[in-house]
N, C-alpha and C. Protein backbone atom coordinates (compact mmCIF):
# COMPACT_ATOMS: atom_id res chain seq x y z
N MET A 1 0.28 9.21 -15.49
CA MET A 1 1.48 9.76 -14.95
C MET A 1 1.17 10.50 -13.66
N ILE A 2 2.05 10.36 -12.73
CA ILE A 2 1.93 11.06 -11.46
C ILE A 2 3.27 11.70 -11.15
N TYR A 3 3.26 13.00 -10.94
CA TYR A 3 4.45 13.74 -10.57
C TYR A 3 4.26 14.23 -9.14
N ILE A 4 5.25 14.00 -8.29
CA ILE A 4 5.22 14.47 -6.92
C ILE A 4 6.43 15.38 -6.73
N VAL A 5 6.17 16.63 -6.37
CA VAL A 5 7.23 17.61 -6.21
C VAL A 5 7.33 17.98 -4.74
N GLU A 6 8.50 17.75 -4.17
CA GLU A 6 8.76 18.11 -2.77
C GLU A 6 10.07 18.90 -2.73
N GLY A 7 10.26 19.66 -1.67
CA GLY A 7 11.50 20.41 -1.51
C GLY A 7 11.38 21.42 -0.40
N VAL A 8 12.51 22.00 -0.06
CA VAL A 8 12.54 23.00 1.01
C VAL A 8 11.95 24.31 0.51
N ALA A 9 11.58 25.17 1.45
CA ALA A 9 11.01 26.47 1.11
C ALA A 9 11.95 27.24 0.19
N GLY A 10 11.37 27.84 -0.84
CA GLY A 10 12.15 28.67 -1.75
C GLY A 10 12.95 27.92 -2.79
N SER A 11 12.74 26.61 -2.90
CA SER A 11 13.55 25.81 -3.83
C SER A 11 12.99 25.78 -5.25
N GLY A 12 11.82 26.39 -5.48
CA GLY A 12 11.26 26.45 -6.83
C GLY A 12 10.21 25.40 -7.13
N LYS A 13 9.57 24.88 -6.08
CA LYS A 13 8.55 23.83 -6.29
C LYS A 13 7.40 24.33 -7.16
N ASP A 14 6.88 25.51 -6.86
CA ASP A 14 5.75 26.04 -7.63
C ASP A 14 6.16 26.29 -9.08
N THR A 15 7.34 26.81 -9.28
CA THR A 15 7.84 27.05 -10.64
C THR A 15 7.98 25.74 -11.39
N LEU A 16 8.56 24.73 -10.74
CA LEU A 16 8.72 23.43 -11.37
C LEU A 16 7.35 22.82 -11.71
N CYS A 17 6.41 22.91 -10.79
CA CYS A 17 5.06 22.37 -11.06
C CYS A 17 4.44 23.07 -12.27
N GLY A 18 4.61 24.37 -12.35
CA GLY A 18 4.08 25.10 -13.51
C GLY A 18 4.70 24.63 -14.81
N GLN A 19 6.00 24.37 -14.79
CA GLN A 19 6.68 23.89 -15.99
C GLN A 19 6.24 22.47 -16.35
N ILE A 20 6.04 21.64 -15.33
CA ILE A 20 5.57 20.27 -15.58
C ILE A 20 4.19 20.31 -16.23
N VAL A 21 3.29 21.11 -15.66
CA VAL A 21 1.94 21.22 -16.22
C VAL A 21 2.00 21.70 -17.66
N LYS A 22 2.79 22.74 -17.92
CA LYS A 22 2.92 23.26 -19.28
C LYS A 22 3.42 22.18 -20.24
N SER A 23 4.42 21.38 -19.79
CA SER A 23 4.99 20.35 -20.65
C SER A 23 4.02 19.21 -20.93
N LEU A 24 3.02 19.05 -20.07
CA LEU A 24 2.03 17.98 -20.25
C LEU A 24 0.91 18.37 -21.22
N HIS A 25 0.93 19.60 -21.68
CA HIS A 25 -0.06 20.10 -22.65
C HIS A 25 -1.50 19.88 -22.15
N PRO A 26 -1.90 20.62 -21.11
CA PRO A 26 -3.23 20.42 -20.53
C PRO A 26 -4.38 20.72 -21.50
N GLU A 27 -4.09 21.40 -22.58
CA GLU A 27 -5.13 21.63 -23.58
C GLU A 27 -5.41 20.36 -24.39
N GLU A 28 -4.52 19.38 -24.29
CA GLU A 28 -4.66 18.14 -25.05
C GLU A 28 -4.98 16.93 -24.19
N ARG A 29 -4.83 17.04 -22.88
CA ARG A 29 -5.08 15.91 -21.99
C ARG A 29 -5.56 16.44 -20.65
N ARG A 30 -6.07 15.56 -19.85
CA ARG A 30 -6.54 15.91 -18.51
C ARG A 30 -5.33 15.98 -17.58
N VAL A 31 -5.09 17.16 -17.01
CA VAL A 31 -3.99 17.37 -16.06
C VAL A 31 -4.60 17.92 -14.78
N LEU A 32 -4.43 17.18 -13.69
CA LEU A 32 -5.00 17.57 -12.41
C LEU A 32 -3.86 17.95 -11.46
N VAL A 33 -3.96 19.14 -10.88
CA VAL A 33 -2.91 19.66 -10.01
C VAL A 33 -3.48 19.77 -8.59
N PHE A 34 -2.76 19.17 -7.65
CA PHE A 34 -3.19 19.20 -6.25
C PHE A 34 -2.06 19.70 -5.36
N PRO A 35 -2.17 20.95 -4.87
CA PRO A 35 -1.22 21.36 -3.84
C PRO A 35 -1.62 20.73 -2.51
N GLU A 36 -0.66 20.47 -1.68
CA GLU A 36 -0.93 19.79 -0.41
C GLU A 36 -2.03 20.48 0.40
N GLU A 37 -1.97 21.79 0.50
CA GLU A 37 -2.94 22.47 1.35
C GLU A 37 -4.37 22.36 0.83
N ALA A 38 -4.54 22.03 -0.44
CA ALA A 38 -5.88 21.89 -1.00
C ALA A 38 -6.51 20.55 -0.67
N VAL A 39 -5.69 19.55 -0.37
CA VAL A 39 -6.23 18.22 -0.15
C VAL A 39 -5.88 17.64 1.21
N LEU A 40 -4.65 17.81 1.63
CA LEU A 40 -4.21 17.10 2.84
C LEU A 40 -3.97 18.00 4.05
N ALA A 41 -4.36 19.23 3.99
CA ALA A 41 -4.21 20.17 5.09
C ALA A 41 -2.76 20.57 5.31
N THR A 42 -2.53 21.83 5.33
CA THR A 42 -1.19 22.37 5.52
C THR A 42 -0.65 22.10 6.92
N TRP A 43 0.64 22.23 7.10
CA TRP A 43 1.28 22.01 8.40
C TRP A 43 0.73 22.95 9.46
N LEU A 44 0.08 24.03 9.06
CA LEU A 44 -0.48 24.98 10.03
C LEU A 44 -1.54 24.34 10.92
N TYR A 45 -2.09 23.19 10.50
CA TYR A 45 -3.16 22.54 11.25
C TYR A 45 -2.69 21.31 12.01
N TYR A 46 -1.39 21.08 12.09
CA TYR A 46 -0.88 19.89 12.77
C TYR A 46 -1.27 19.81 14.23
N PHE A 47 -1.60 20.93 14.84
CA PHE A 47 -1.98 20.94 16.25
C PHE A 47 -3.40 20.46 16.49
N VAL A 48 -4.20 20.34 15.44
CA VAL A 48 -5.60 19.94 15.57
C VAL A 48 -5.68 18.46 15.94
N PRO A 49 -6.34 18.13 17.03
CA PRO A 49 -6.45 16.71 17.40
C PRO A 49 -7.10 15.90 16.28
N GLY A 50 -6.51 14.76 15.96
CA GLY A 50 -7.05 13.87 14.94
C GLY A 50 -6.69 14.24 13.51
N ILE A 51 -5.93 15.32 13.31
CA ILE A 51 -5.61 15.75 11.94
C ILE A 51 -4.80 14.71 11.19
N HIS A 52 -3.95 13.97 11.87
CA HIS A 52 -3.12 12.99 11.18
C HIS A 52 -3.97 11.87 10.58
N GLU A 53 -5.00 11.44 11.30
CA GLU A 53 -5.90 10.41 10.76
C GLU A 53 -6.68 10.95 9.58
N ILE A 54 -7.09 12.21 9.65
CA ILE A 54 -7.83 12.83 8.55
C ILE A 54 -6.92 12.92 7.32
N ARG A 55 -5.69 13.34 7.53
CA ARG A 55 -4.74 13.45 6.42
C ARG A 55 -4.52 12.09 5.74
N LEU A 56 -4.34 11.06 6.54
CA LEU A 56 -4.12 9.73 5.95
C LEU A 56 -5.35 9.24 5.21
N ASP A 57 -6.54 9.49 5.76
CA ASP A 57 -7.77 9.09 5.09
C ASP A 57 -7.91 9.81 3.75
N LEU A 58 -7.66 11.11 3.75
CA LEU A 58 -7.74 11.87 2.50
C LEU A 58 -6.70 11.39 1.49
N ALA A 59 -5.51 11.08 1.97
CA ALA A 59 -4.47 10.60 1.07
C ALA A 59 -4.87 9.27 0.43
N GLU A 60 -5.43 8.38 1.22
CA GLU A 60 -5.87 7.09 0.68
C GLU A 60 -6.99 7.28 -0.34
N ARG A 61 -7.89 8.21 -0.06
CA ARG A 61 -8.98 8.49 -1.01
C ARG A 61 -8.44 9.11 -2.30
N LEU A 62 -7.44 9.98 -2.17
CA LEU A 62 -6.85 10.58 -3.35
C LEU A 62 -6.15 9.53 -4.21
N VAL A 63 -5.45 8.61 -3.58
CA VAL A 63 -4.79 7.53 -4.32
C VAL A 63 -5.83 6.69 -5.07
N ALA A 64 -6.93 6.36 -4.41
CA ALA A 64 -8.00 5.60 -5.07
C ALA A 64 -8.56 6.38 -6.26
N TYR A 65 -8.75 7.69 -6.07
CA TYR A 65 -9.26 8.54 -7.15
C TYR A 65 -8.29 8.57 -8.33
N MET A 66 -7.00 8.65 -8.04
CA MET A 66 -6.01 8.67 -9.11
C MET A 66 -6.03 7.35 -9.88
N HIS A 67 -6.14 6.23 -9.15
CA HIS A 67 -6.22 4.92 -9.81
C HIS A 67 -7.45 4.84 -10.71
N GLU A 68 -8.59 5.25 -10.21
CA GLU A 68 -9.84 5.21 -10.99
C GLU A 68 -9.74 6.10 -12.22
N THR A 69 -9.22 7.30 -12.01
CA THR A 69 -9.12 8.25 -13.12
C THR A 69 -8.20 7.73 -14.20
N GLN A 70 -7.05 7.18 -13.81
CA GLN A 70 -6.12 6.68 -14.82
C GLN A 70 -6.62 5.40 -15.48
N ALA A 71 -7.45 4.63 -14.79
CA ALA A 71 -8.05 3.45 -15.42
C ALA A 71 -9.01 3.88 -16.53
N GLN A 72 -9.74 4.96 -16.28
CA GLN A 72 -10.71 5.47 -17.26
C GLN A 72 -10.04 6.30 -18.35
N ASP A 73 -8.96 6.98 -18.00
CA ASP A 73 -8.27 7.87 -18.93
C ASP A 73 -6.76 7.73 -18.73
N PRO A 74 -6.13 6.76 -19.42
CA PRO A 74 -4.70 6.51 -19.23
C PRO A 74 -3.80 7.71 -19.53
N ALA A 75 -4.29 8.67 -20.28
CA ALA A 75 -3.48 9.85 -20.60
C ALA A 75 -3.53 10.90 -19.49
N ALA A 76 -4.41 10.71 -18.52
CA ALA A 76 -4.53 11.69 -17.43
C ALA A 76 -3.22 11.78 -16.65
N ALA A 77 -2.93 12.98 -16.18
CA ALA A 77 -1.71 13.20 -15.41
C ALA A 77 -2.05 13.96 -14.13
N PHE A 78 -1.33 13.64 -13.07
CA PHE A 78 -1.50 14.31 -11.77
C PHE A 78 -0.19 14.97 -11.38
N VAL A 79 -0.29 16.19 -10.88
CA VAL A 79 0.87 16.90 -10.37
C VAL A 79 0.56 17.23 -8.92
N LEU A 80 1.32 16.62 -8.00
CA LEU A 80 1.11 16.81 -6.57
C LEU A 80 2.23 17.69 -6.04
N ASN A 81 1.87 18.86 -5.54
CA ASN A 81 2.86 19.84 -5.10
C ASN A 81 2.94 19.86 -3.59
N ARG A 82 4.12 19.64 -3.06
CA ARG A 82 4.39 19.67 -1.62
C ARG A 82 3.68 18.55 -0.88
N PHE A 83 3.57 17.40 -1.47
CA PHE A 83 2.96 16.26 -0.80
C PHE A 83 4.05 15.51 -0.06
N HIS A 84 3.83 15.31 1.21
CA HIS A 84 4.81 14.59 2.01
C HIS A 84 4.37 13.14 2.12
N VAL A 85 4.61 12.40 1.05
CA VAL A 85 4.15 11.02 0.99
C VAL A 85 4.87 10.14 1.99
N SER A 86 6.00 10.61 2.48
CA SER A 86 6.73 9.83 3.48
C SER A 86 6.26 10.14 4.89
N TYR A 87 5.18 10.89 5.00
CA TYR A 87 4.65 11.35 6.29
C TYR A 87 4.37 10.19 7.23
N ALA A 88 3.84 9.13 6.72
CA ALA A 88 3.52 7.97 7.55
C ALA A 88 3.59 6.70 6.71
N VAL A 89 3.77 5.61 7.33
CA VAL A 89 3.78 4.33 6.64
C VAL A 89 2.38 3.76 6.69
N TRP A 90 1.83 3.44 5.53
CA TRP A 90 0.49 2.87 5.47
C TRP A 90 0.61 1.37 5.43
N SER A 91 -0.17 0.69 6.23
CA SER A 91 -0.14 -0.75 6.20
C SER A 91 -1.16 -1.23 5.18
N PRO A 92 -0.85 -2.33 4.49
CA PRO A 92 -1.80 -2.84 3.49
C PRO A 92 -3.08 -3.33 4.15
N SER A 93 -4.15 -3.22 3.41
CA SER A 93 -5.48 -3.64 3.92
C SER A 93 -5.55 -5.13 4.03
């Protein structure tokens, strides 16, 4: 399972993510939580030259990791908080 939570500032994204994690019973299964700033760099770094390519590379690696993890452990769940998956269109390899 993969949950992606997006929304405007103050809309309750962190609260919702906490409730999702709780409902998934992390004591009984592997639940991995990734806030955007932990993996894909926060908007504060958009001015850095080349950051967009780095973000896309990290996103592609995270997707591969999620596929591998769920292949090994189908009960694993991912909660992605503030991920802007619509940030760019990825072309197939």
